[in-house]
């Protein structure tokens, strides 16, 4: 299932306070990026928005009723706590949505830096 273009437009408006938002296909969903390569959120194939998280932000998301991204594999459910659902109330409240997005930016920056390092090491091995 492709991500609904109207939902993407809504999310661009919702997170406009972060600056330009780039989207990229990701599995059957999409990633939301700022600063070119910093993915701060992901839309699942089911249309749920998940925000980047880590050990420092997970508790805040859980307290707000968020759940981790999960998928089925080998008959078992795999939970990914580095992606937590956006609290339902934030989907229609730009101020609240920006609060959660700003909370997601530090873990997103760390993940982007690690990915850049990994790419640089891979490139160095090839040369």
PDB file of N, CA and C in Angstrom:
ATOM      1  N   UNK A   1       0.840  -1.184   0.000  1.00  0.00           N
ATOM      2  CA  UNK A   1       0.000   0.000   0.000  1.00  0.00           C
ATOM      3  C   UNK A   1       0.887   1.250   0.000  1.00  0.00           C
ATOM      4  N   UNK A   2       0.658   2.132  -0.923  1.00  0.00           N
ATOM      5  CA  UNK A   2       1.412   3.385  -1.006  1.00  0.00           C
ATOM      6  C   UNK A   2       0.865   4.382   0.013  1.00  0.00           C
ATOM      7  N   UNK A   3       1.718   5.293   0.422  1.00  0.00           N
ATOM      8  CA  UNK A   3       1.310   6.316   1.379  1.00  0.00           C
ATOM      9  C   UNK A   3       0.414   7.325   0.669  1.00  0.00           C
ATOM     10  N   UNK A   4      -0.679   7.689   1.312  1.00  0.00           N
ATOM     11  CA  UNK A   4      -1.646   8.636   0.775  1.00  0.00           C
ATOM     12  C   UNK A   4      -0.984  10.007   0.586  1.00  0.00           C
ATOM     13  N   UNK A   5      -0.975  10.533  -0.648  1.00  0.00           N
ATOM     14  CA  UNK A   5      -0.348  11.841  -0.894  1.00  0.00           C
ATOM     15  C   UNK A   5      -0.964  12.965  -0.058  1.00  0.00           C
ATOM     16  N   UNK A   6      -2.266  12.886   0.208  1.00  0.00           N
ATOM     17  CA  UNK A   6      -2.913  13.914   1.039  1.00  0.00           C
ATOM     18  C   UNK A   6      -2.385  13.858   2.474  1.00  0.00           C
ATOM     19  N   UNK A   7      -2.126  12.639   2.979  1.00  0.00           N
ATOM     20  CA  UNK A   7      -1.566  12.495   4.319  1.00  0.00           C
ATOM     21  C   UNK A   7      -0.153  13.075   4.357  1.00  0.00           C
ATOM     22  N   UNK A   8       0.630  12.839   3.308  1.00  0.00           N
ATOM     23  CA  UNK A   8       1.970  13.423   3.239  1.00  0.00           C
ATOM     24  C   UNK A   8       1.914  14.947   3.246  1.00  0.00           C
ATOM     25  N   UNK A   9       0.978  15.517   2.489  1.00  0.00           N
ATOM     26  CA  UNK A   9       0.814  16.975   2.475  1.00  0.00           C
ATOM     27  C   UNK A   9       0.439  17.484   3.867  1.00  0.00           C
ATOM     28  N   UNK A  10      -0.451  16.764   4.535  1.00  0.00           N
ATOM     29  CA  UNK A  10      -0.857  17.138   5.898  1.00  0.00           C
ATOM     30  C   UNK A  10       0.359  17.129   6.828  1.00  0.00           C
ATOM     31  N   UNK A  11       1.196  16.104   6.714  1.00  0.00           N
ATOM     32  CA  UNK A  11       2.375  16.007   7.578  1.00  0.00           C
ATOM     33  C   UNK A  11       3.388  17.103   7.275  1.00  0.00           C
ATOM     34  N   UNK A  12       3.540  17.452   6.006  1.00  0.00           N
ATOM     35  CA  UNK A  12       4.442  18.569   5.661  1.00  0.00           C
ATOM     36  C   UNK A  12       3.949  19.863   6.318  1.00  0.00           C
ATOM     37  N   UNK A  13       2.636  20.080   6.293  1.00  0.00           N
ATOM     38  CA  UNK A  13       2.064  21.260   6.949  1.00  0.00           C
ATOM     39  C   UNK A  13       2.237  21.169   8.466  1.00  0.00           C
ATOM     40  N   UNK A  14       1.979  19.999   9.026  1.00  0.00           N
ATOM     41  CA  UNK A  14       2.051  19.780  10.469  1.00  0.00           C
ATOM     42  C   UNK A  14       3.457  20.060  10.999  1.00  0.00           C
ATOM     43  N   UNK A  15       4.468  19.659  10.244  1.00  0.00           N
ATOM     44  CA  UNK A  15       5.859  19.805  10.682  1.00  0.00           C
ATOM     45  C   UNK A  15       6.581  20.964   9.993  1.00  0.00           C
ATOM     46  N   UNK A  16       5.830  21.881   9.405  1.00  0.00           N
ATOM     47  CA  UNK A  16       6.429  23.003   8.660  1.00  0.00           C
ATOM     48  C   UNK A  16       7.386  23.815   9.523  1.00  0.00           C
ATOM     49  N   UNK A  17       7.179  23.854  10.812  1.00  0.00           N
ATOM     50  CA  UNK A  17       8.057  24.598  11.713  1.00  0.00           C
ATOM     51  C   UNK A  17       9.474  24.064  11.762  1.00  0.00           C
ATOM     52  N   UNK A  18       9.702  22.862  11.249  1.00  0.00           N
ATOM     53  CA  UNK A  18      11.048  22.287  11.220  1.00  0.00           C
ATOM     54  C   UNK A  18      11.839  22.738   9.999  1.00  0.00           C
ATOM     55  N   UNK A  19      11.154  23.336   9.038  1.00  0.00           N
ATOM     56  CA  UNK A  19      11.798  23.703   7.779  1.00  0.00           C
ATOM     57  C   UNK A  19      11.343  22.758   6.687  1.00  0.00           C
ATOM     58  N   UNK A  20      12.029  22.764   5.555  1.00  0.00           N
ATOM     59  CA  UNK A  20      11.625  21.892   4.440  1.00  0.00           C
ATOM     60  C   UNK A  20      11.676  20.410   4.845  1.00  0.00           C
ATOM     61  N   UNK A  21      10.637  19.689   4.475  1.00  0.00           N
ATOM     62  CA  UNK A  21      10.525  18.254   4.752  1.00  0.00           C
ATOM     63  C   UNK A  21      10.656  17.509   3.433  1.00  0.00           C
ATOM     64  N   UNK A  22      11.598  16.579   3.387  1.00  0.00           N
ATOM     65  CA  UNK A  22      11.757  15.715   2.222  1.00  0.00           C
ATOM     66  C   UNK A  22      11.186  14.354   2.567  1.00  0.00           C
ATOM     67  N   UNK A  23      10.566  13.713   1.601  1.00  0.00           N
ATOM     68  CA  UNK A  23      10.057  12.361   1.825  1.00  0.00           C
ATOM     69  C   UNK A  23      10.820  11.389   0.934  1.00  0.00           C
ATOM     70  N   UNK A  24      10.897  10.170   1.396  1.00  0.00           N
ATOM     71  CA  UNK A  24      11.549   9.129   0.623  1.00  0.00           C
ATOM     72  C   UNK A  24      10.845   7.810   0.846  1.00  0.00           C
ATOM     73  N   UNK A  25      10.751   7.021  -0.194  1.00  0.00           N
ATOM     74  CA  UNK A  25      10.104   5.718  -0.066  1.00  0.00           C
ATOM     75  C   UNK A  25      10.905   4.836   0.868  1.00  0.00           C
ATOM     76  N   UNK A  26      10.175   4.067   1.654  1.00  0.00           N
ATOM     77  CA  UNK A  26      10.804   3.192   2.632  1.00  0.00           C
ATOM     78  C   UNK A  26       9.925   1.969   2.781  1.00  0.00           C
ATOM     79  N   UNK A  27      10.385   0.840   2.283  1.00  0.00           N
ATOM     80  CA  UNK A  27       9.578  -0.376   2.260  1.00  0.00           C
ATOM     81  C   UNK A  27       8.253  -0.030   1.581  1.00  0.00           C
ATOM     82  N   UNK A  28       7.131  -0.231   2.253  1.00  0.00           N
ATOM     83  CA  UNK A  28       5.840   0.132   1.675  1.00  0.00           C
ATOM     84  C   UNK A  28       5.334   1.453   2.227  1.00  0.00           C
ATOM     85  N   UNK A  29       6.169   2.148   2.974  1.00  0.00           N
ATOM     86  CA  UNK A  29       5.790   3.419   3.573  1.00  0.00           C
ATOM     87  C   UNK A  29       6.676   4.533   3.067  1.00  0.00           C
ATOM     88  N   UNK A  30       6.979   5.476   3.970  1.00  0.00           N
ATOM     89  CA  UNK A  30       7.818   6.614   3.593  1.00  0.00           C
ATOM     90  C   UNK A  30       8.543   7.144   4.816  1.00  0.00           C
ATOM     91  N   UNK A  31       9.713   7.702   4.581  1.00  0.00           N
ATOM     92  CA  UNK A  31      10.458   8.381   5.632  1.00  0.00           C
ATOM     93  C   UNK A  31      10.298   9.882   5.465  1.00  0.00           C
ATOM     94  N   UNK A  32      10.311  10.603   6.588  1.00  0.00           N
ATOM     95  CA  UNK A  32      10.265  12.067   6.575  1.00  0.00           C
ATOM     96  C   UNK A  32      11.631  12.568   7.032  1.00  0.00           C
ATOM     97  N   UNK A  33      12.234  13.429   6.226  1.00  0.00           N
ATOM     98  CA  UNK A  33      13.600  13.873   6.456  1.00  0.00           C
ATOM     99  C   UNK A  33      13.678  15.391   6.571  1.00  0.00           C
ATOM    100  N   UNK A  34      14.589  15.849   7.417  1.00  0.00           N
ATOM    101  CA  UNK A  34      14.981  17.255   7.473  1.00  0.00           C
ATOM    102  C   UNK A  34      16.484  17.290   7.223  1.00  0.00           C
ATOM    103  N   UNK A  35      16.998  18.473   6.918  1.00  0.00           N
ATOM    104  CA  UNK A  35      18.437  18.636   6.720  1.00  0.00           C
ATOM    105  C   UNK A  35      19.015  17.574   5.783  1.00  0.00           C
ATOM    106  N   UNK A  36      18.311  17.256   4.754  1.00  0.00           N
ATOM    107  CA  UNK A  36      18.711  16.335   3.690  1.00  0.00           C
ATOM    108  C   UNK A  36      18.655  14.864   4.077  1.00  0.00           C
ATOM    109  N   UNK A  37      19.372  14.433   5.135  1.00  0.00           N
ATOM    110  CA  UNK A  37      19.457  12.998   5.402  1.00  0.00           C
ATOM    111  C   UNK A  37      19.075  12.596   6.828  1.00  0.00           C
ATOM    112  N   UNK A  38      18.390  13.458   7.555  1.00  0.00           N
ATOM    113  CA  UNK A  38      18.020  13.166   8.938  1.00  0.00           C
ATOM    114  C   UNK A  38      16.556  12.724   8.973  1.00  0.00           C
ATOM    115  N   UNK A  39      16.351  11.402   9.082  1.00  0.00           N
ATOM    116  CA  UNK A  39      14.991  10.860   9.114  1.00  0.00           C
ATOM    117  C   UNK A  39      14.459  10.926  10.551  1.00  0.00           C
ATOM    118  N   UNK A  40      13.474  11.800  10.763  1.00  0.00           N
ATOM    119  CA  UNK A  40      12.922  11.966  12.098  1.00  0.00           C
ATOM    120  C   UNK A  40      11.594  11.227  12.278  1.00  0.00           C
ATOM    121  N   UNK A  41      11.016  10.759  11.178  1.00  0.00           N
ATOM    122  CA  UNK A  41       9.729  10.056  11.262  1.00  0.00           C
ATOM    123  C   UNK A  41       9.574   9.105  10.083  1.00  0.00           C
ATOM    124  N   UNK A  42       8.670   8.146  10.271  1.00  0.00           N
ATOM    125  CA  UNK A  42       8.390   7.151   9.236  1.00  0.00           C
ATOM    126  C   UNK A  42       6.891   6.873   9.213  1.00  0.00           C
ATOM    127  N   UNK A  43       6.351   6.750   8.027  1.00  0.00           N
ATOM    128  CA  UNK A  43       4.955   6.359   7.866  1.00  0.00           C
ATOM    129  C   UNK A  43       4.957   4.897   7.468  1.00  0.00           C
ATOM    130  N   UNK A  44       4.263   4.077   8.245  1.00  0.00           N
ATOM    131  CA  UNK A  44       4.206   2.648   7.933  1.00  0.00           C
ATOM    132  C   UNK A  44       3.261   2.409   6.761  1.00  0.00           C
ATOM    133  N   UNK A  45       3.294   1.201   6.235  1.00  0.00           N
ATOM    134  CA  UNK A  45       2.407   0.850   5.126  1.00  0.00           C
ATOM    135  C   UNK A  45       0.948   0.926   5.547  1.00  0.00           C
ATOM    136  N   UNK A  46       0.677   0.812   6.845  1.00  0.00           N
ATOM    137  CA  UNK A  46      -0.698   0.915   7.357  1.00  0.00           C
ATOM    138  C   UNK A  46      -1.127   2.372   7.553  1.00  0.00           C
ATOM    139  N   UNK A  47      -0.193   3.320   7.363  1.00  0.00           N
ATOM    140  CA  UNK A  47      -0.534   4.735   7.487  1.00  0.00           C
ATOM    141  C   UNK A  47      -0.295   5.321   8.870  1.00  0.00           C
ATOM    142  N   UNK A  48       0.384   4.597   9.747  1.00  0.00           N
ATOM    143  CA  UNK A  48       0.696   5.112  11.085  1.00  0.00           C
ATOM    144  C   UNK A  48       2.008   5.874  11.035  1.00  0.00           C
ATOM    145  N   UNK A  49       2.044   7.007  11.715  1.00  0.00           N
ATOM    146  CA  UNK A  49       3.251   7.817  11.767  1.00  0.00           C
ATOM    147  C   UNK A  49       4.060   7.436  13.002  1.00  0.00           C
ATOM    148  N   UNK A  50       5.324   7.092  12.794  1.00  0.00           N
ATOM    149  CA  UNK A  50       6.237   6.741  13.873  1.00  0.00           C
ATOM    150  C   UNK A  50       7.357   7.758  13.905  1.00  0.00           C
ATOM    151  N   UNK A  51       7.724   8.182  15.114  1.00  0.00           N
ATOM    152  CA  UNK A  51       8.765   9.178  15.315  1.00  0.00           C
ATOM    153  C   UNK A  51      10.041   8.497  15.798  1.00  0.00           C
ATOM    154  N   UNK A  52      11.188   9.032  15.401  1.00  0.00           N
ATOM    155  CA  UNK A  52      12.472   8.493  15.853  1.00  0.00           C
ATOM    156  C   UNK A  52      12.567   8.653  17.372  1.00  0.00           C
ATOM    157  N   UNK A  53      13.104   7.648  18.030  1.00  0.00           N
ATOM    158  CA  UNK A  53      13.200   7.652  19.481  1.00  0.00           C
ATOM    159  C   UNK A  53      14.484   6.948  19.913  1.00  0.00           C
ATOM    160  N   UNK A  54      14.834   7.103  21.169  1.00  0.00           N
ATOM    161  CA  UNK A  54      15.935   6.354  21.766  1.00  0.00           C
ATOM    162  C   UNK A  54      15.643   6.202  23.252  1.00  0.00           C
ATOM    163  N   UNK A  55      16.613   5.712  24.002  1.00  0.00           N
ATOM    164  CA  UNK A  55      16.402   5.460  25.433  1.00  0.00           C
ATOM    165  C   UNK A  55      16.051   6.734  26.193  1.00  0.00           C
ATOM    166  N   UNK A  56      16.488   7.895  25.706  1.00  0.00           N
ATOM    167  CA  UNK A  56      16.205   9.152  26.411  1.00  0.00           C
ATOM    168  C   UNK A  56      14.802   9.682  26.137  1.00  0.00           C
ATOM    169  N   UNK A  57      14.166   9.252  25.058  1.00  0.00           N
ATOM    170  CA  UNK A  57      12.846   9.780  24.693  1.00  0.00           C
ATOM    171  C   UNK A  57      11.721   8.748  24.796  1.00  0.00           C
ATOM    172  N   UNK A  58      12.096   7.472  24.846  1.00  0.00           N
ATOM    173  CA  UNK A  58      11.098   6.401  24.824  1.00  0.00           C
ATOM    174  C   UNK A  58      10.053   6.557  25.932  1.00  0.00           C
ATOM    175  N   UNK A  59      10.492   6.883  27.139  1.00  0.00           N
ATOM    176  CA  UNK A  59       9.561   6.999  28.263  1.00  0.00           C
ATOM    177  C   UNK A  59       8.499   8.074  27.999  1.00  0.00           C
ATOM    178  N   UNK A  60       8.909   9.211  27.453  1.00  0.00           N
ATOM    179  CA  UNK A  60       7.951  10.287  27.161  1.00  0.00           C
ATOM    180  C   UNK A  60       6.908   9.813  26.159  1.00  0.00           C
ATOM    181  N   UNK A  61       7.338   9.095  25.139  1.00  0.00           N
ATOM    182  CA  UNK A  61       6.392   8.573  24.154  1.00  0.00           C
ATOM    183  C   UNK A  61       5.433   7.572  24.804  1.00  0.00           C
ATOM    184  N   UNK A  62       5.969   6.660  25.600  1.00  0.00           N
ATOM    185  CA  UNK A  62       5.115   5.659  26.251  1.00  0.00           C
ATOM    186  C   UNK A  62       4.100   6.318  27.186  1.00  0.00           C
ATOM    187  N   UNK A  63       4.541   7.328  27.926  1.00  0.00           N
ATOM    188  CA  UNK A  63       3.641   8.056  28.836  1.00  0.00           C
ATOM    189  C   UNK A  63       2.491   8.716  28.072  1.00  0.00           C
ATOM    190  N   UNK A  64       2.741   9.110  26.823  1.00  0.00           N
ATOM    191  CA  UNK A  64       1.718   9.772  25.999  1.00  0.00           C
ATOM    192  C   UNK A  64       0.843   8.766  25.255  1.00  0.00           C
ATOM    193  N   UNK A  65       1.086   7.465  25.480  1.00  0.00           N
ATOM    194  CA  UNK A  65       0.260   6.441  24.840  1.00  0.00           C
ATOM    195  C   UNK A  65       0.807   5.909  23.528  1.00  0.00           C
ATOM    196  N   UNK A  66       2.021   6.270  23.190  1.00  0.00           N
ATOM    197  CA  UNK A  66       2.634   5.788  21.953  1.00  0.00           C
ATOM    198  C   UNK A  66       3.005   4.312  22.078  1.00  0.00           C
ATOM    199  N   UNK A  67       3.123   3.682  20.930  1.00  0.00           N
ATOM    200  CA  UNK A  67       3.558   2.285  20.877  1.00  0.00           C
ATOM    201  C   UNK A  67       4.711   2.174  19.891  1.00  0.00           C
ATOM    202  N   UNK A  68       5.600   1.203  20.090  1.00  0.00           N
ATOM    203  CA  UNK A  68       6.703   1.049  19.154  1.00  0.00           C
ATOM    204  C   UNK A  68       6.242   0.447  17.829  1.00  0.00           C
ATOM    205  N   UNK A  69       6.987   0.745  16.787  1.00  0.00           N
ATOM    206  CA  UNK A  69       6.758   0.109  15.493  1.00  0.00           C
ATOM    207  C   UNK A  69       6.995  -1.386  15.679  1.00  0.00           C
ATOM    208  N   UNK A  70       6.160  -2.190  15.064  1.00  0.00           N
ATOM    209  CA  UNK A  70       6.344  -3.643  15.151  1.00  0.00           C
ATOM    210  C   UNK A  70       5.953  -4.287  13.828  1.00  0.00           C
ATOM    211  N   UNK A  71       6.485  -5.490  13.643  1.00  0.00           N
ATOM    212  CA  UNK A  71       6.169  -6.263  12.441  1.00  0.00           C
ATOM    213  C   UNK A  71       6.270  -7.738  12.799  1.00  0.00           C
ATOM    214  N   UNK A  72       5.675  -8.559  11.942  1.00  0.00           N
ATOM    215  CA  UNK A  72       5.693 -10.011  12.138  1.00  0.00           C
ATOM    216  C   UNK A  72       6.821 -10.619  11.325  1.00  0.00           C
ATOM    217  N   UNK A  73       7.544 -11.547  11.951  1.00  0.00           N
ATOM    218  CA  UNK A  73       8.613 -12.258  11.243  1.00  0.00           C
ATOM    219  C   UNK A  73       8.768 -13.629  11.890  1.00  0.00           C
ATOM    220  N   UNK A  74       8.681 -14.642  11.072  1.00  0.00           N
ATOM    221  CA  UNK A  74       8.842 -16.001  11.577  1.00  0.00           C
ATOM    222  C   UNK A  74       7.820 -16.357  12.640  1.00  0.00           C
ATOM    223  N   UNK A  75       6.618 -15.825  12.516  1.00  0.00           N
ATOM    224  CA  UNK A  75       5.570 -16.116  13.482  1.00  0.00           C
ATOM    225  C   UNK A  75       5.704 -15.361  14.804  1.00  0.00           C
ATOM    226  N   UNK A  76       6.651 -14.421  14.866  1.00  0.00           N
ATOM    227  CA  UNK A  76       6.864 -13.644  16.085  1.00  0.00           C
ATOM    228  C   UNK A  76       6.758 -12.160  15.788  1.00  0.00           C
ATOM    229  N   UNK A  77       6.315 -11.406  16.764  1.00  0.00           N
ATOM    230  CA  UNK A  77       6.237  -9.956  16.632  1.00  0.00           C
ATOM    231  C   UNK A  77       7.558  -9.346  17.063  1.00  0.00           C
ATOM    232  N   UNK A  78       8.121  -8.519  16.193  1.00  0.00           N
ATOM    233  CA  UNK A  78       9.366  -7.808  16.467  1.00  0.00           C
ATOM    234  C   UNK A  78       9.026  -6.339  16.720  1.00  0.00           C
ATOM    235  N   UNK A  79       9.391  -5.818  17.873  1.00  0.00           N
ATOM    236  CA  UNK A  79       9.151  -4.412  18.196  1.00  0.00           C
ATOM    237  C   UNK A  79      10.439  -3.621  18.003  1.00  0.00           C
ATOM    238  N   UNK A  80      10.313  -2.441  17.419  1.00  0.00           N
ATOM    239  CA  UNK A  80      11.444  -1.545  17.178  1.00  0.00           C
ATOM    240  C   UNK A  80      11.201  -0.280  17.999  1.00  0.00           C
ATOM    241  N   UNK A  81      11.823  -0.203  19.167  1.00  0.00           N
ATOM    242  CA  UNK A  81      11.592   0.927  20.067  1.00  0.00           C
ATOM    243  C   UNK A  81      12.223   2.229  19.592  1.00  0.00           C
ATOM    244  N   UNK A  82      13.046   2.173  18.555  1.00  0.00           N
ATOM    245  CA  UNK A  82      13.626   3.404  18.026  1.00  0.00           C
ATOM    246  C   UNK A  82      12.647   4.153  17.118  1.00  0.00           C
ATOM    247  N   UNK A  83      11.454   3.598  16.947  1.00  0.00           N
ATOM    248  CA  UNK A  83      10.369   4.260  16.220  1.00  0.00           C
ATOM    249  C   UNK A  83       9.104   4.128  17.049  1.00  0.00           C
ATOM    250  N   UNK A  84       8.611   5.254  17.575  1.00  0.00           N
ATOM    251  CA  UNK A  84       7.419   5.261  18.420  1.00  0.00           C
ATOM    252  C   UNK A  84       6.302   6.036  17.722  1.00  0.00           C
ATOM    253  N   UNK A  85       5.073   5.538  17.850  1.00  0.00           N
ATOM    254  CA  UNK A  85       3.949   6.198  17.181  1.00  0.00           C
ATOM    255  C   UNK A  85       3.757   7.615  17.720  1.00  0.00           C
ATOM    256  N   UNK A  86       3.374   8.507  16.829  1.00  0.00           N
ATOM    257  CA  UNK A  86       3.047   9.870  17.232  1.00  0.00           C
ATOM    258  C   UNK A  86       1.771   9.806  18.051  1.00  0.00           C
ATOM    259  N   UNK A  87       1.738  10.440  19.239  1.00  0.00           N
ATOM    260  CA  UNK A  87       0.486  10.437  20.001  1.00  0.00           C
ATOM    261  C   UNK A  87      -0.670  10.947  19.146  1.00  0.00           C
ATOM    262  N   UNK A  88      -1.776  10.270  19.246  1.00  0.00           N
ATOM    263  CA  UNK A  88      -2.960  10.554  18.414  1.00  0.00           C
ATOM    264  C   UNK A  88      -3.350  12.034  18.422  1.00  0.00           C
ATOM    265  N   UNK A  89      -3.299  12.671  19.598  1.00  0.00           N
ATOM    266  CA  UNK A  89      -3.721  14.065  19.717  1.00  0.00           C
ATOM    267  C   UNK A  89      -2.844  15.014  18.912  1.00  0.00           C
ATOM    268  N   UNK A  90      -1.629  14.609  18.587  1.00  0.00           N
ATOM    269  CA  UNK A  90      -0.704  15.491  17.870  1.00  0.00           C
ATOM    270  C   UNK A  90      -0.967  15.532  16.373  1.00  0.00           C
ATOM    271  N   UNK A  91      -1.742  14.596  15.852  1.00  0.00           N
ATOM    272  CA  UNK A  91      -1.979  14.562  14.401  1.00  0.00           C
ATOM    273  C   UNK A  91      -2.730  15.782  13.880  1.00  0.00           C
ATOM    274  N   UNK A  92      -3.468  16.456  14.759  1.00  0.00           N
ATOM    275  CA  UNK A  92      -4.212  17.639  14.328  1.00  0.00           C
ATOM    276  C   UNK A  92      -3.789  18.890  15.073  1.00  0.00           C
ATOM    277  N   UNK A  93      -2.671  18.835  15.772  1.00  0.00           N
ATOM    278  CA  UNK A  93      -2.203  19.963  16.562  1.00  0.00           C
ATOM    279  C   UNK A  93      -0.744  20.260  16.211  1.00  0.00           C
ATOM    280  N   UNK A  94      -0.504  21.259  15.357  1.00  0.00           N
ATOM    281  CA  UNK A  94       0.864  21.556  14.930  1.00  0.00           C
ATOM    282  C   UNK A  94       1.829  21.828  16.082  1.00  0.00           C
ATOM    283  N   UNK A  95       1.366  22.503  17.131  1.00  0.00           N
ATOM    284  CA  UNK A  95       2.259  22.789  18.257  1.00  0.00           C
ATOM    285  C   UNK A  95       2.678  21.501  18.958  1.00  0.00           C
ATOM    286  N   UNK A  96       1.722  20.615  19.198  1.00  0.00           N
ATOM    287  CA  UNK A  96       2.042  19.342  19.840  1.00  0.00           C
ATOM    288  C   UNK A  96       2.890  18.472  18.913  1.00  0.00           C
ATOM    289  N   UNK A  97       2.563  18.471  17.637  1.00  0.00           N
ATOM    290  CA  UNK A  97       3.342  17.685  16.671  1.00  0.00           C
ATOM    291  C   UNK A  97       4.792  18.162  16.633  1.00  0.00           C
ATOM    292  N   UNK A  98       4.993  19.476  16.663  1.00  0.00           N
ATOM    293  CA  UNK A  98       6.357  20.013  16.665  1.00  0.00           C
ATOM    294  C   UNK A  98       7.104  19.644  17.939  1.00  0.00           C
ATOM    295  N   UNK A  99       6.386  19.589  19.069  1.00  0.00           N
ATOM    296  CA  UNK A  99       7.014  19.145  20.322  1.00  0.00           C
ATOM    297  C   UNK A  99       7.604  17.748  20.138  1.00  0.00           C
ATOM    298  N   UNK A 100       6.808  16.827  19.588  1.00  0.00           N
ATOM    299  CA  UNK A 100       7.272  15.458  19.401  1.00  0.00           C
ATOM    300  C   UNK A 100       8.365  15.369  18.336  1.00  0.00           C
ATOM    301  N   UNK A 101       8.243  16.173  17.297  1.00  0.00           N
ATOM    302  CA  UNK A 101       9.273  16.172  16.250  1.00  0.00           C
ATOM    303  C   UNK A 101      10.602  16.669  16.811  1.00  0.00           C
ATOM    304  N   UNK A 102      10.541  17.718  17.620  1.00  0.00           N
ATOM    305  CA  UNK A 102      11.782  18.241  18.212  1.00  0.00           C
ATOM    306  C   UNK A 102      12.391  17.242  19.189  1.00  0.00           C
ATOM    307  N   UNK A 103      11.554  16.471  19.857  1.00  0.00           N
ATOM    308  CA  UNK A 103      12.033  15.407  20.736  1.00  0.00           C
ATOM    309  C   UNK A 103      12.710  14.301  19.917  1.00  0.00           C
ATOM    310  N   UNK A 104      12.238  14.107  18.691  1.00  0.00           N
ATOM    311  CA  UNK A 104      12.777  13.065  17.809  1.00  0.00           C
ATOM    312  C   UNK A 104      14.059  13.479  17.093  1.00  0.00           C
ATOM    313  N   UNK A 105      14.336  14.758  17.021  1.00  0.00           N
ATOM    314  CA  UNK A 105      15.503  15.214  16.257  1.00  0.00           C
ATOM    315  C   UNK A 105      16.849  14.744  16.820  1.00  0.00           C
ATOM    316  N   UNK A 106      17.113  14.827  18.133  1.00  0.00           N
ATOM    317  CA  UNK A 106      18.422  14.336  18.603  1.00  0.00           C
ATOM    318  C   UNK A 106      18.681  12.865  18.254  1.00  0.00           C
ATOM    319  N   UNK A 107      17.737  11.935  18.513  1.00  0.00           N
ATOM    320  CA  UNK A 107      17.995  10.554  18.087  1.00  0.00           C
ATOM    321  C   UNK A 107      18.142  10.428  16.568  1.00  0.00           C
ATOM    322  N   UNK A 108      17.408  11.242  15.821  1.00  0.00           N
ATOM    323  CA  UNK A 108      17.499  11.200  14.361  1.00  0.00           C
ATOM    324  C   UNK A 108      18.872  11.679  13.887  1.00  0.00           C
ATOM    325  N   UNK A 109      19.409  12.740  14.518  1.00  0.00           N
ATOM    326  CA  UNK A 109      20.742  13.224  14.164  1.00  0.00           C
ATOM    327  C   UNK A 109      21.806  12.174  14.465  1.00  0.00           C
ATOM    328  N   UNK A 110      21.686  11.507  15.595  1.00  0.00           N
ATOM    329  CA  UNK A 110      22.644  10.462  15.965  1.00  0.00           C
ATOM    330  C   UNK A 110      22.604   9.327  14.945  1.00  0.00           C
ATOM    331  N   UNK A 111      21.401   8.898  14.572  1.00  0.00           N
ATOM    332  CA  UNK A 111      21.253   7.813  13.594  1.00  0.00           C
ATOM    333  C   UNK A 111      21.806   8.229  12.233  1.00  0.00           C
ATOM    334  N   UNK A 112      21.566   9.472  11.829  1.00  0.00           N
ATOM    335  CA  UNK A 112      22.070   9.946  10.531  1.00  0.00           C
ATOM    336  C   UNK A 112      23.598  10.006  10.532  1.00  0.00           C
ATOM    337  N   UNK A 113      24.179  10.453  11.636  1.00  0.00           N
ATOM    338  CA  UNK A 113      25.641  10.511  11.730  1.00  0.00           C
ATOM    339  C   UNK A 113      26.237   9.107  11.662  1.00  0.00           C
ATOM    340  N   UNK A 114      25.624   8.157  12.336  1.00  0.00           N
ATOM    341  CA  UNK A 114      26.109   6.770  12.297  1.00  0.00           C
ATOM    342  C   UNK A 114      26.018   6.209  10.885  1.00  0.00           C
ATOM    343  N   UNK A 115      24.939   6.535  10.193  1.00  0.00           N
ATOM    344  CA  UNK A 115      24.768   6.053   8.818  1.00  0.00           C
ATOM    345  C   UNK A 115      25.820   6.671   7.894  1.00  0.00           C
ATOM    346  N   UNK A 116      26.105   7.961   8.082  1.00  0.00           N
ATOM    347  CA  UNK A 116      27.143   8.614   7.282  1.00  0.00           C
ATOM    348  C   UNK A 116      28.505   7.967   7.524  1.00  0.00           C
ATOM    349  N   UNK A 117      28.807   7.668   8.783  1.00  0.00           N
ATOM    350  CA  UNK A 117      30.078   7.009   9.116  1.00  0.00           C
ATOM    351  C   UNK A 117      30.175   5.646   8.465  1.00  0.00           C
ATOM    352  N   UNK A 118      29.076   4.906   8.521  1.00  0.00           N
ATOM    353  CA  UNK A 118      29.054   3.570   7.930  1.00  0.00           C
ATOM    354  C   UNK A 118      29.301   3.648   6.422  1.00  0.00           C
ATOM    355  N   UNK A 119      28.659   4.603   5.759  1.00  0.00           N
ATOM    356  CA  UNK A 119      28.868   4.784   4.320  1.00  0.00           C
ATOM    357  C   UNK A 119      30.306   5.164   4.007  1.00  0.00           C
ATOM    358  N   UNK A 120      30.895   6.024   4.833  1.00  0.00           N
ATOM    359  CA  UNK A 120      32.281   6.440   4.605  1.00  0.00           C
ATOM    360  C   UNK A 120      33.229   5.256   4.765  1.00  0.00           C
ATOM    361  N   UNK A 121      33.019   4.416   5.772  1.00  0.00           N
ATOM    362  CA  UNK A 121      33.862   3.233   5.954  1.00  0.00           C
ATOM    363  C   UNK A 121      33.731   2.289   4.777  1.00  0.00           C
ATOM    364  N   UNK A 122      32.499   2.096   4.326  1.00  0.00           N
ATOM    365  CA  UNK A 122      32.262   1.194   3.182  1.00  0.00           C
ATOM    366  C   UNK A 122      32.960   1.733   1.941  1.00  0.00           C
ATOM    367  N   UNK A 123      32.876   3.028   1.718  1.00  0.00           N
ATOM    368  CA  UNK A 123      33.502   3.668   0.563  1.00  0.00           C
ATOM    369  C   UNK A 123      35.022   3.535   0.662  1.00  0.00           C
ATOM    370  N   UNK A 124      35.569   3.713   1.854  1.00  0.00           N
ATOM    371  CA  UNK A 124      37.014   3.612   2.053  1.00  0.00           C
ATOM    372  C   UNK A 124      37.519   2.202   1.786  1.00  0.00           C
ATOM    373  N   UNK A 125      36.736   1.195   2.119  1.00  0.00           N
ATOM    374  CA  UNK A 125      37.131  -0.193   1.862  1.00  0.00           C
ATOM    375  C   UNK A 125      37.176  -0.497   0.380  1.00  0.00           C
ATOM    376  N   UNK A 126      36.315   0.154  -0.390  1.00  0.00           N
ATOM    377  CA  UNK A 126      36.258  -0.075  -1.834  1.00  0.00           C
ATOM    378  C   UNK A 126      37.440   0.555  -2.556  1.00  0.00           C
ATOM    379  N   UNK A 127      38.004   1.604  -1.980  1.00  0.00           N
ATOM    380  CA  UNK A 127      39.119   2.292  -2.670  1.00  0.00           C
ATOM    381  C   UNK A 127      40.459   1.770  -2.257  1.00  0.00           C
TER     382      UNK A 127
END
